[in-house]
Amino acid sequence: MNYDVEITDEAKEKLRSMPKEVRRLIGYRIFLLQDNLGGDVQKLRGSKNEYRLRVGDYRVLFELEGRKIMIYAVGDRKEIYR
């Protein structure tokens, strides 16, 4: 099952500020996420439809609504959950 991915402006801005190699790796993992939620995905505690994708020391936070993935935050694992 393929999912449609949308990225908020805030997440896009954060991605643009990251090094090129990290952006490329995160982009590849998001591509895999589109196909059957591939990758290291876990549901966030205390939420109904919020998940995180682990990409090394970085995390991609997203909401899953039917067949739509809405990425709302991208950042270092030490800072993303604050």
N, C-alpha and C. Protein backbone atom coordinates (compact mmCIF):
# COMPACT_ATOMS: atom_id res chain seq x y z
N MET A 1 0.84 -1.18 0.00
CA MET A 1 0.00 0.00 0.00
C MET A 1 0.88 1.24 0.00
N ASN A 2 0.68 2.11 -0.96
CA ASN A 2 1.44 3.35 -1.04
C ASN A 2 0.72 4.46 -0.30
N TYR A 3 1.51 5.32 0.33
CA TYR A 3 0.98 6.46 1.07
C TYR A 3 1.38 7.75 0.37
N ASP A 4 0.53 8.77 0.51
CA ASP A 4 0.86 10.10 0.02
C ASP A 4 1.57 10.85 1.13
N VAL A 5 2.65 11.55 0.80
CA VAL A 5 3.44 12.26 1.80
C VAL A 5 3.30 13.76 1.59
N GLU A 6 3.03 14.46 2.70
CA GLU A 6 3.03 15.92 2.71
C GLU A 6 3.99 16.37 3.80
N ILE A 7 4.72 17.44 3.54
CA ILE A 7 5.70 17.96 4.50
C ILE A 7 5.34 19.41 4.81
N THR A 8 5.24 19.74 6.10
CA THR A 8 4.91 21.11 6.47
C THR A 8 6.07 22.05 6.12
N ASP A 9 5.76 23.33 6.02
CA ASP A 9 6.80 24.32 5.69
C ASP A 9 7.90 24.35 6.75
N GLU A 10 7.52 24.19 8.01
CA GLU A 10 8.50 24.18 9.10
C GLU A 10 9.47 23.01 8.95
N ALA A 11 8.97 21.84 8.62
CA ALA A 11 9.83 20.67 8.43
C ALA A 11 10.72 20.84 7.20
N LYS A 12 10.17 21.43 6.12
CA LYS A 12 10.99 21.68 4.92
C LYS A 12 12.13 22.63 5.24
N GLU A 13 11.86 23.66 6.02
CA GLU A 13 12.89 24.64 6.38
C GLU A 13 14.00 23.96 7.20
N LYS A 14 13.61 23.10 8.12
CA LYS A 14 14.59 22.39 8.94
C LYS A 14 15.44 21.45 8.06
N LEU A 15 14.81 20.78 7.11
CA LEU A 15 15.55 19.90 6.20
C LEU A 15 16.57 20.68 5.38
N ARG A 16 16.17 21.85 4.91
CA ARG A 16 17.07 22.67 4.09
C ARG A 16 18.32 23.10 4.87
N SER A 17 18.20 23.23 6.19
CA SER A 17 19.32 23.69 7.00
C SER A 17 20.29 22.55 7.36
N MET A 18 19.93 21.33 7.04
CA MET A 18 20.79 20.18 7.37
C MET A 18 21.83 19.96 6.29
N PRO A 19 22.92 19.25 6.66
CA PRO A 19 23.95 18.92 5.65
C PRO A 19 23.36 18.07 4.52
N LYS A 20 23.97 18.18 3.35
CA LYS A 20 23.46 17.51 2.16
C LYS A 20 23.36 16.00 2.33
N GLU A 21 24.35 15.38 2.96
CA GLU A 21 24.34 13.92 3.13
C GLU A 21 23.17 13.48 4.02
N VAL A 22 22.90 14.25 5.06
CA VAL A 22 21.80 13.93 5.98
C VAL A 22 20.46 14.10 5.26
N ARG A 23 20.33 15.17 4.48
CA ARG A 23 19.10 15.40 3.70
C ARG A 23 18.84 14.25 2.76
N ARG A 24 19.88 13.79 2.10
CA ARG A 24 19.74 12.70 1.14
C ARG A 24 19.29 11.41 1.84
N LEU A 25 19.89 11.11 2.98
CA LEU A 25 19.52 9.91 3.73
C LEU A 25 18.08 10.00 4.24
N ILE A 26 17.69 11.14 4.77
CA ILE A 26 16.32 11.32 5.26
C ILE A 26 15.33 11.22 4.09
N GLY A 27 15.68 11.81 2.96
CA GLY A 27 14.82 11.73 1.78
C GLY A 27 14.62 10.29 1.32
N TYR A 28 15.68 9.50 1.37
CA TYR A 28 15.58 8.10 0.98
C TYR A 28 14.69 7.34 1.95
N ARG A 29 14.84 7.60 3.24
CA ARG A 29 14.01 6.92 4.23
C ARG A 29 12.55 7.32 4.12
N ILE A 30 12.29 8.57 3.78
CA ILE A 30 10.90 9.01 3.56
C ILE A 30 10.33 8.29 2.34
N PHE A 31 11.16 8.10 1.31
CA PHE A 31 10.73 7.34 0.13
C PHE A 31 10.33 5.92 0.52
N LEU A 32 11.14 5.28 1.38
CA LEU A 32 10.82 3.93 1.84
C LEU A 32 9.56 3.93 2.72
N LEU A 33 9.37 5.00 3.46
CA LEU A 33 8.21 5.14 4.33
C LEU A 33 6.92 5.13 3.52
N GLN A 34 6.96 5.70 2.33
CA GLN A 34 5.78 5.74 1.46
C GLN A 34 5.28 4.36 1.11
N ASP A 35 6.17 3.39 1.05
CA ASP A 35 5.80 2.04 0.64
C ASP A 35 5.65 1.16 1.87
N ASN A 36 4.43 0.99 2.34
CA ASN A 36 4.11 0.11 3.47
C ASN A 36 4.79 0.51 4.78
N LEU A 37 5.00 1.79 4.98
CA LEU A 37 5.63 2.30 6.21
C LEU A 37 6.94 1.60 6.52
N GLY A 38 7.78 1.48 5.50
CA GLY A 38 9.08 0.82 5.67
C GLY A 38 10.03 1.66 6.50
N GLY A 39 10.88 0.99 7.25
CA GLY A 39 11.86 1.67 8.08
C GLY A 39 11.58 1.44 9.56
N ASP A 40 12.37 2.09 10.39
CA ASP A 40 12.23 1.97 11.84
C ASP A 40 11.16 2.95 12.32
N VAL A 41 9.91 2.52 12.29
CA VAL A 41 8.76 3.37 12.64
C VAL A 41 8.17 2.87 13.94
N GLN A 42 7.91 3.80 14.85
CA GLN A 42 7.24 3.46 16.10
C GLN A 42 6.18 4.50 16.40
N LYS A 43 5.10 4.05 17.01
CA LYS A 43 4.03 4.95 17.42
C LYS A 43 4.48 5.70 18.67
N LEU A 44 4.16 7.00 18.73
CA LEU A 44 4.51 7.79 19.90
C LEU A 44 3.52 7.52 21.02
N ARG A 45 4.02 7.41 22.22
CA ARG A 45 3.16 7.13 23.37
C ARG A 45 2.20 8.28 23.61
N GLY A 46 0.98 7.93 23.99
CA GLY A 46 -0.01 8.94 24.34
C GLY A 46 -0.66 9.64 23.16
N SER A 47 -0.52 9.08 21.98
CA SER A 47 -1.14 9.70 20.81
C SER A 47 -1.88 8.63 20.00
N LYS A 48 -2.85 9.09 19.24
CA LYS A 48 -3.63 8.14 18.44
C LYS A 48 -2.99 7.86 17.09
N ASN A 49 -2.45 8.89 16.46
CA ASN A 49 -1.96 8.70 15.10
C ASN A 49 -0.62 9.37 14.83
N GLU A 50 0.21 9.57 15.85
CA GLU A 50 1.52 10.17 15.67
C GLU A 50 2.61 9.11 15.76
N TYR A 51 3.57 9.20 14.85
CA TYR A 51 4.63 8.21 14.75
C TYR A 51 5.97 8.92 14.57
N ARG A 52 7.05 8.14 14.75
CA ARG A 52 8.37 8.67 14.46
C ARG A 52 9.11 7.68 13.58
N LEU A 53 9.94 8.23 12.70
CA LEU A 53 10.82 7.44 11.84
C LEU A 53 12.24 7.71 12.29
N ARG A 54 12.98 6.67 12.61
CA ARG A 54 14.36 6.81 13.06
C ARG A 54 15.29 6.76 11.86
N VAL A 55 16.15 7.79 11.75
CA VAL A 55 17.15 7.85 10.68
C VAL A 55 18.48 8.20 11.35
N GLY A 56 19.18 7.19 11.86
CA GLY A 56 20.42 7.43 12.59
C GLY A 56 20.15 8.24 13.85
N ASP A 57 20.83 9.39 13.98
CA ASP A 57 20.62 10.27 15.13
C ASP A 57 19.50 11.28 14.89
N TYR A 58 18.80 11.15 13.79
CA TYR A 58 17.72 12.08 13.45
C TYR A 58 16.37 11.38 13.53
N ARG A 59 15.33 12.17 13.76
CA ARG A 59 13.98 11.64 13.83
C ARG A 59 13.08 12.45 12.91
N VAL A 60 12.14 11.76 12.28
CA VAL A 60 11.12 12.38 11.45
C VAL A 60 9.79 12.08 12.13
N LEU A 61 9.10 13.12 12.60
CA LEU A 61 7.82 12.93 13.27
C LEU A 61 6.70 13.16 12.26
N PHE A 62 5.71 12.27 12.28
CA PHE A 62 4.63 12.40 11.32
C PHE A 62 3.32 11.89 11.89
N GLU A 63 2.23 12.34 11.27
CA GLU A 63 0.89 11.86 11.60
C GLU A 63 0.42 11.00 10.44
N LEU A 64 -0.30 9.95 10.77
CA LEU A 64 -0.84 9.05 9.77
C LEU A 64 -2.35 9.18 9.77
N GLU A 65 -2.89 9.63 8.65
CA GLU A 65 -4.33 9.82 8.51
C GLU A 65 -4.80 9.07 7.27
N GLY A 66 -5.27 7.85 7.47
CA GLY A 66 -5.68 7.04 6.32
C GLY A 66 -4.48 6.69 5.48
N ARG A 67 -4.47 7.16 4.24
CA ARG A 67 -3.35 6.89 3.33
C ARG A 67 -2.45 8.11 3.17
N LYS A 68 -2.54 9.06 4.11
CA LYS A 68 -1.75 10.29 4.02
C LYS A 68 -0.78 10.37 5.20
N ILE A 69 0.48 10.64 4.90
CA ILE A 69 1.51 10.87 5.90
C ILE A 69 1.81 12.36 5.91
N MET A 70 1.62 13.00 7.08
CA MET A 70 1.90 14.43 7.22
C MET A 70 3.13 14.58 8.12
N ILE A 71 4.26 14.93 7.52
CA ILE A 71 5.51 15.12 8.27
C ILE A 71 5.50 16.53 8.83
N TYR A 72 5.58 16.62 10.17
CA TYR A 72 5.49 17.94 10.80
C TYR A 72 6.77 18.36 11.53
N ALA A 73 7.73 17.46 11.72
CA ALA A 73 8.98 17.84 12.38
C ALA A 73 10.10 16.90 11.96
N VAL A 74 11.29 17.49 11.82
CA VAL A 74 12.50 16.74 11.49
C VAL A 74 13.61 17.35 12.33
N GLY A 75 14.42 16.50 12.98
CA GLY A 75 15.50 17.06 13.77
C GLY A 75 16.31 16.00 14.48
N ASP A 76 17.30 16.50 15.23
CA ASP A 76 18.17 15.64 16.01
C ASP A 76 17.37 14.97 17.12
N ARG A 77 17.71 13.74 17.45
CA ARG A 77 16.94 12.98 18.43
C ARG A 77 16.97 13.61 19.81
N LYS A 78 18.01 14.39 20.12
CA LYS A 78 18.12 15.02 21.44
C LYS A 78 17.18 16.21 21.59
N GLU A 79 16.78 16.81 20.48
CA GLU A 79 16.01 18.05 20.54
C GLU A 79 14.58 17.93 20.02
N ILE A 80 14.26 16.88 19.27
CA ILE A 80 13.01 16.81 18.53
C ILE A 80 11.78 16.66 19.41
N TYR A 81 11.90 16.00 20.56
CA TYR A 81 10.73 15.70 21.37
C TYR A 81 10.38 16.82 22.34
N ARG A 82 11.13 17.90 22.38
CA ARG A 82 10.86 19.00 23.31
C ARG A 82 9.78 19.91 22.81
